[in-house]
Protein backbone atom coordinates (compact mmCIF):
# COMPACT_ATOMS: atom_id res chain seq x y z
CA MET A 1 96.80 -33.68 167.74
CA ASN A 2 95.67 -33.61 163.85
CA ALA A 3 93.55 -31.71 161.74
CA GLU A 4 90.65 -34.15 162.19
CA GLU A 5 90.93 -33.82 166.12
CA ILE A 6 90.87 -30.30 166.15
CA VAL A 7 87.77 -29.99 163.83
CA SER A 8 86.04 -32.35 166.13
CA ARG A 9 86.43 -30.11 169.03
CA LEU A 10 84.52 -27.30 167.35
CA LEU A 11 81.52 -26.30 169.42
CA TYR A 12 80.27 -23.39 167.43
CA ARG A 13 80.80 -21.90 163.95
CA ASP A 14 79.32 -18.78 162.23
CA ALA A 15 80.65 -16.20 159.79
CA LEU A 16 82.52 -14.32 162.50
CA MET A 17 83.40 -16.64 165.37
CA LEU A 18 84.44 -20.10 166.25
CA VAL A 19 84.43 -21.59 169.58
CA ILE A 20 86.37 -24.77 170.23
CA ASP A 21 86.76 -27.01 173.46
CA LYS A 22 90.68 -26.70 174.02
CA PRO A 23 92.02 -29.57 175.46
CA ALA A 24 93.87 -29.53 178.65
CA GLY A 25 97.94 -29.49 178.24
CA LEU A 26 97.86 -27.55 174.78
CA PRO A 27 99.20 -24.00 175.08
CA VAL A 28 97.52 -21.68 172.68
CA HIS A 29 100.27 -19.85 171.73
CA PRO A 30 104.08 -20.71 170.98
CA GLY A 31 106.42 -20.45 174.18
CA PRO A 32 110.20 -20.10 174.72
CA LYS A 33 110.45 -23.93 175.18
CA GLY A 34 108.77 -24.66 171.78
CA GLY A 35 106.42 -27.71 171.54
CA GLU A 36 103.09 -28.36 170.35
CA THR A 37 100.54 -25.57 170.45
CA LEU A 38 97.00 -24.84 169.26
CA PHE A 39 98.38 -21.95 166.87
CA GLN A 40 100.19 -24.82 164.67
CA HIS A 41 96.53 -26.37 163.83
CA LEU A 42 94.55 -23.37 163.30
CA ASP A 43 94.77 -23.76 159.44
CA ALA A 44 92.18 -26.68 159.87
CA LEU A 45 89.78 -24.21 161.10
CA ARG A 46 89.74 -21.86 158.29
CA PHE A 47 86.62 -23.29 156.47
CA GLY A 48 87.21 -21.71 153.31
CA LEU A 49 88.32 -18.27 154.34
CA PRO A 50 91.77 -17.14 153.22
CA ARG A 51 93.30 -17.03 156.63
CA ARG A 52 93.51 -18.78 159.77
CA PRO A 53 91.35 -17.53 162.81
CA GLU A 54 92.97 -15.98 165.90
CA ALA A 55 92.42 -16.63 169.52
CA ALA A 56 90.36 -13.73 170.99
CA HIS A 57 91.37 -14.37 174.46
CA ARG A 58 93.71 -16.53 176.64
CA LEU A 59 93.35 -19.92 178.31
CA ASP A 60 96.23 -21.44 180.37
CA LYS A 61 98.05 -24.30 178.83
CA ASP A 62 96.51 -26.61 181.46
CA THR A 63 92.91 -25.16 181.35
CA SER A 64 90.34 -27.06 179.15
CA GLY A 65 87.23 -25.69 177.55
CA CYS A 66 85.45 -22.97 175.82
CA LEU A 67 88.10 -20.92 173.81
CA ILE A 68 86.82 -17.99 171.33
CA LEU A 69 88.25 -17.50 167.90
CA GLY A 70 87.77 -14.70 165.39
CA ARG A 71 87.76 -15.58 161.83
CA HIS A 72 89.06 -12.55 160.05
CA PRO A 73 90.29 -9.06 161.11
CA LYS A 74 86.86 -7.33 161.24
CA ALA A 75 85.52 -10.34 163.50
CA ILE A 76 88.67 -10.10 165.68
CA ALA A 77 88.32 -6.46 166.20
CA ARG A 78 84.77 -6.98 167.34
CA LEU A 79 85.61 -9.81 169.74
CA ASN A 80 88.56 -7.65 171.01
CA GLU A 81 85.96 -4.73 171.81
CA LEU A 82 83.57 -6.98 173.58
CA PHE A 83 86.31 -8.61 175.81
CA ARG A 84 87.91 -4.99 176.38
CA ASN A 85 84.32 -3.71 177.64
CA ASN A 86 83.81 -6.91 179.77
CA GLU A 87 80.71 -7.81 177.70
CA VAL A 88 81.66 -11.61 177.29
CA ASP A 89 80.10 -13.66 180.22
CA LYS A 90 83.00 -16.59 180.81
CA VAL A 91 82.08 -19.37 183.38
CA TYR A 92 84.43 -21.73 184.89
CA TRP A 93 84.21 -24.89 186.74
CA ALA A 94 86.93 -25.70 189.31
CA VAL A 95 87.25 -28.71 191.71
CA VAL A 96 88.92 -27.04 194.51
CA GLU A 97 90.49 -28.60 197.91
CA GLY A 98 88.52 -28.10 200.88
CA GLY A 99 86.27 -25.31 199.85
CA PRO A 100 84.76 -22.00 201.16
CA HIS A 101 82.23 -22.28 204.17
CA GLU A 102 79.74 -19.92 202.39
CA ASP A 103 77.74 -20.81 199.24
CA GLU A 104 78.72 -17.80 197.18
CA GLY A 105 80.66 -14.75 197.48
CA GLU A 106 83.34 -12.45 195.84
CA ILE A 107 87.24 -12.49 195.91
CA ASP A 108 88.54 -9.01 195.47
CA LEU A 109 92.44 -9.19 195.67
CA PRO A 110 94.90 -7.24 193.30
CA LEU A 111 97.57 -9.21 191.48
CA ALA A 112 100.98 -8.55 190.18
CA PRO A 113 103.93 -10.55 188.83
CA LYS A 114 105.62 -12.63 191.47
CA SER A 115 108.98 -11.86 189.90
CA PRO A 116 110.63 -10.08 186.74
CA ASP A 117 111.92 -13.58 185.68
CA ARG A 118 108.40 -15.07 185.38
CA GLY A 119 106.07 -12.51 184.40
CA TRP A 120 103.20 -15.13 184.20
CA TRP A 121 103.50 -16.29 187.79
CA MET A 122 101.44 -14.16 189.82
CA LYS A 123 100.83 -13.10 193.53
CA VAL A 124 98.37 -11.06 195.63
CA ASP A 125 99.91 -7.59 195.82
CA PRO A 126 98.15 -4.39 197.26
CA LYS A 127 100.02 -2.65 194.57
CA GLY A 128 99.00 -4.78 191.91
CA GLN A 129 96.02 -4.70 189.37
CA PRO A 130 92.45 -4.80 190.59
CA SER A 131 91.26 -8.45 190.10
CA LEU A 132 87.64 -9.49 190.94
CA THR A 133 86.30 -13.19 190.88
CA LYS A 134 82.76 -14.04 191.63
CA TRP A 135 82.10 -17.67 192.89
CA ARG A 136 79.32 -20.09 193.78
CA VAL A 137 79.64 -23.65 195.34
CA LEU A 138 77.69 -26.08 192.90
CA GLY A 139 78.31 -29.04 195.07
CA ARG A 140 80.50 -30.67 197.78
CA ALA A 141 82.21 -34.16 198.52
CA GLU A 142 84.78 -35.29 201.32
CA GLY A 143 87.51 -32.66 201.04
CA LEU A 144 86.44 -31.34 197.88
CA ALA A 145 83.95 -28.59 196.39
CA LEU A 146 82.89 -27.69 192.94
CA LEU A 147 82.71 -24.09 192.07
CA GLU A 148 81.44 -22.02 189.25
CA LEU A 149 83.99 -19.02 189.11
CA ARG A 150 83.17 -15.94 187.07
CA PRO A 151 86.01 -13.79 186.37
CA VAL A 152 84.93 -10.00 186.28
CA THR A 153 88.62 -8.96 185.24
CA GLY A 154 90.82 -11.16 183.15
CA ARG A 155 94.44 -11.13 185.03
CA THR A 156 96.99 -13.99 184.27
CA HIS A 157 96.11 -17.02 186.50
CA GLN A 158 93.64 -15.10 188.35
CA LEU A 159 91.41 -17.87 189.26
CA ARG A 160 94.22 -20.03 190.57
CA VAL A 161 95.80 -17.30 192.58
CA HIS A 162 92.35 -16.23 193.94
CA CYS A 163 91.14 -19.74 195.02
CA ALA A 164 94.70 -20.37 196.58
CA ALA A 165 94.71 -17.21 198.56
CA MET A 166 91.41 -18.01 200.05
CA ASN A 167 92.86 -21.36 201.39
CA PHE A 168 90.90 -23.64 198.67
CA PRO A 169 93.43 -23.96 195.88
CA ILE A 170 92.33 -25.74 192.68
CA LEU A 171 92.84 -29.43 192.47
CA GLY A 172 95.92 -30.49 190.53
CA ASP A 173 97.49 -27.10 190.60
CA PRO A 174 101.38 -27.64 191.00
CA ILE A 175 102.14 -23.98 191.12
CA TYR A 176 99.71 -22.35 193.49
CA GLY A 177 98.15 -25.52 195.06
CA THR A 178 99.64 -28.87 196.54
CA ALA A 179 99.80 -31.15 193.51
CA PRO A 180 103.22 -32.64 192.43
CA ARG A 181 104.89 -30.83 189.51
CA PHE A 182 104.49 -33.87 186.83
CA HIS A 183 102.40 -36.47 188.58
CA GLY A 184 99.33 -34.72 189.86
CA PRO A 185 95.71 -35.59 188.62
CA GLY A 186 95.65 -32.61 186.07
CA LEU A 187 94.36 -29.02 186.83
CA HIS A 188 90.84 -29.31 187.52
CA LEU A 189 89.79 -25.88 186.10
CA HIS A 190 87.54 -25.94 183.00
CA ALA A 191 86.21 -23.11 180.93
CA ARG A 192 82.64 -24.49 181.15
CA SER A 193 80.74 -21.63 178.92
CA VAL A 194 80.90 -18.54 177.37
CA THR A 195 78.11 -16.18 176.43
CA VAL A 196 78.96 -13.58 173.59
CA PRO A 197 76.57 -10.53 172.59
CA LEU A 198 78.36 -10.77 169.08
CA TYR A 199 75.44 -9.49 167.02
CA PRO A 200 73.59 -6.20 168.35
CA LYS A 201 70.29 -7.16 167.19
CA LYS A 202 70.28 -10.85 168.15
CA GLU A 203 70.33 -13.05 171.41
CA PRO A 204 73.72 -13.36 172.79
CA ILE A 205 75.54 -16.81 171.71
CA SER A 206 76.03 -19.26 174.55
CA VAL A 207 78.28 -22.23 174.10
CA GLU A 208 78.91 -24.96 176.66
CA ALA A 209 81.98 -27.30 176.79
CA PRO A 210 81.68 -30.88 178.35
CA VAL A 211 83.71 -31.78 181.28
CA PRO A 212 86.93 -32.93 180.27
CA GLU A 213 87.74 -36.83 181.38
CA HIS A 214 90.38 -36.23 183.84
CA MET A 215 87.84 -34.04 185.78
CA ARG A 216 84.72 -35.95 185.56
CA GLU A 217 85.09 -38.27 188.49
CA ARG A 218 85.38 -35.54 190.92
CA VAL A 219 82.86 -33.31 189.37
CA LYS A 220 80.49 -36.25 189.64
CA ALA A 221 81.51 -36.84 193.16
CA CYS A 222 80.64 -33.03 193.85
CA GLY A 223 77.24 -33.55 192.32
CA GLY A 224 77.98 -31.86 189.07
CA ALA A 225 76.87 -33.12 185.78
CA ALA A 226 79.39 -33.78 183.04
């Protein structure tokens, strides 16, 4: 990815906030194994400001879609407050294997790290942190369903673990689902939209990211619009 590409993925921009369409496969922050990250490209999104923007929340490496960035320390503090108070509405689309029998519901299962060695690998654990996901079926196809997922809490891998625990794992998930480690169809989890009440006296800002190429065929098969 180069500067032109990252700028082309800009979905929203104002004085405080940017929203970009993060591609699947690109980590947001540097990890122990090194490699390319979004962090390396943030200077291209300064747009005249003296410092690079910072991500206000996390998206998994393999999750695509809306990522919110704060443009300066005051903006980042404001966004952190909104996330801390659970005021940012995040909507994900996921293509899952099988699917629930009902058309909507909630998954209320506490989560905890699976082992001390892999703090990011999670499991359902009665002693873990409370975790709540709301879901709704948007469409179905043979052996698949398209779900709208709304995480009320923001635990690591929450949507992936919750779906797997309910016996409808997200398609392309090699950790919690059935996908092969390196040759699967790609994780079918997309941060479809965010709604941010950034300015107290204005309407909330709503931003939507298009469905990524690797998900389009199955989203369309389930009756969703890309």
